[in-house]
Amino acid sequence: MTEFEPGTDLVSRLPLPSHVVVLADGKWRRGWLIGRDHEESGWTALVQYEGDDGNERTERLPADRIALPESNGPTEQAS
């Protein structure tokens, strides 16, 4: 378990853009929620974050991989 609490309701409530953390490539990473869609399977988030290679990535991720960041916490490896 991580210190972050992802939730599908979160993606639908946050203003755009919003600072979030995203679970990508097995790590929680700081990023921005820049869009969202409600589909039959639930909410998906359009997010931007920096990958391990230092390049900015823009991806659509399921809402359960989006959470609010702690105010000063470091990026944490997902378990």
Protein backbone atom coordinates (compact mmCIF):
# COMPACT_ATOMS: atom_id res chain seq x y z
CA MET A 1 0.00 0.00 0.00
CA THR A 2 1.18 3.56 -0.62
CA GLU A 3 0.56 6.83 1.16
CA PHE A 4 -1.54 7.93 -1.81
CA GLU A 5 -5.24 7.11 -2.03
CA PRO A 6 -6.37 6.77 -5.63
CA GLY A 7 -10.06 6.96 -6.40
CA THR A 8 -12.29 7.11 -9.42
CA ASP A 9 -14.38 9.88 -7.85
CA LEU A 10 -11.26 12.02 -7.49
CA VAL A 11 -10.73 12.34 -11.26
CA SER A 12 -14.29 13.56 -11.79
CA ARG A 13 -14.07 16.22 -9.03
CA LEU A 14 -10.69 17.90 -9.56
CA PRO A 15 -10.48 21.14 -11.53
CA LEU A 16 -8.38 21.12 -14.69
CA PRO A 17 -5.44 21.32 -14.58
CA SER A 18 -4.66 19.80 -11.15
CA HIS A 19 -1.44 18.61 -9.56
CA VAL A 20 -1.69 14.84 -8.95
CA VAL A 21 0.44 11.74 -8.63
CA VAL A 22 0.13 8.96 -11.18
CA LEU A 23 1.05 5.29 -10.99
CA ALA A 24 3.14 4.74 -14.14
CA ASP A 25 5.86 2.19 -14.82
CA GLY A 26 5.50 0.80 -11.28
CA LYS A 27 6.18 4.13 -9.54
CA TRP A 28 4.09 6.97 -8.16
CA ARG A 29 5.15 10.08 -10.08
CA ARG A 30 4.20 13.72 -9.74
CA GLY A 31 2.22 15.03 -12.67
CA TRP A 32 -0.72 17.05 -13.91
CA LEU A 33 -4.30 16.02 -14.60
CA ILE A 34 -5.08 17.87 -17.84
CA GLY A 35 -8.21 16.09 -19.05
CA ARG A 36 -10.71 13.32 -18.31
CA ASP A 37 -13.30 11.17 -20.03
CA HIS A 38 -16.15 9.11 -18.67
CA GLU A 39 -16.39 5.82 -20.54
CA GLU A 40 -18.44 2.66 -20.08
CA SER A 41 -15.63 1.20 -17.98
CA GLY A 42 -15.37 4.33 -15.79
CA TRP A 43 -13.24 7.46 -15.66
CA THR A 44 -9.94 7.80 -17.51
CA ALA A 45 -7.50 10.62 -16.91
CA LEU A 46 -5.31 12.47 -19.39
CA VAL A 47 -2.10 13.17 -17.47
CA GLN A 48 1.36 14.60 -18.03
CA TYR A 49 4.38 13.44 -16.02
CA GLU A 50 8.13 13.05 -16.39
CA GLY A 51 9.42 9.57 -17.20
CA ASP A 52 12.65 7.97 -15.98
CA ASP A 53 14.38 9.21 -19.14
CA GLY A 54 13.56 12.83 -18.23
CA ASN A 55 11.11 13.25 -21.10
CA GLU A 56 7.59 14.52 -20.52
CA ARG A 57 4.90 11.94 -21.20
CA THR A 58 1.22 12.47 -21.89
CA GLU A 59 -0.96 9.39 -21.36
CA ARG A 60 -4.49 8.26 -20.66
CA LEU A 61 -4.60 6.25 -17.44
CA PRO A 62 -7.44 4.62 -15.50
CA ALA A 63 -8.69 6.74 -12.63
CA ASP A 64 -7.56 4.20 -10.05
CA ARG A 65 -3.96 5.13 -10.94
CA ILE A 66 -4.48 8.82 -10.06
CA ALA A 67 -4.21 10.26 -6.55
CA LEU A 68 -3.67 13.54 -4.74
CA PRO A 69 -0.05 14.21 -3.79
CA GLU A 70 1.18 14.71 -0.26
CA SER A 71 2.32 18.27 0.20
CA ASN A 72 6.06 17.50 0.51
CA GLY A 73 6.40 13.72 0.13
CA PRO A 74 8.92 12.17 -2.24
CA THR A 75 7.98 9.96 -5.19
CA GLU A 76 7.52 6.45 -3.84
CA GLN A 77 7.99 3.04 -5.43
CA ALA A 78 4.67 1.21 -5.74
CA SER A 79 4.40 -2.08 -3.88
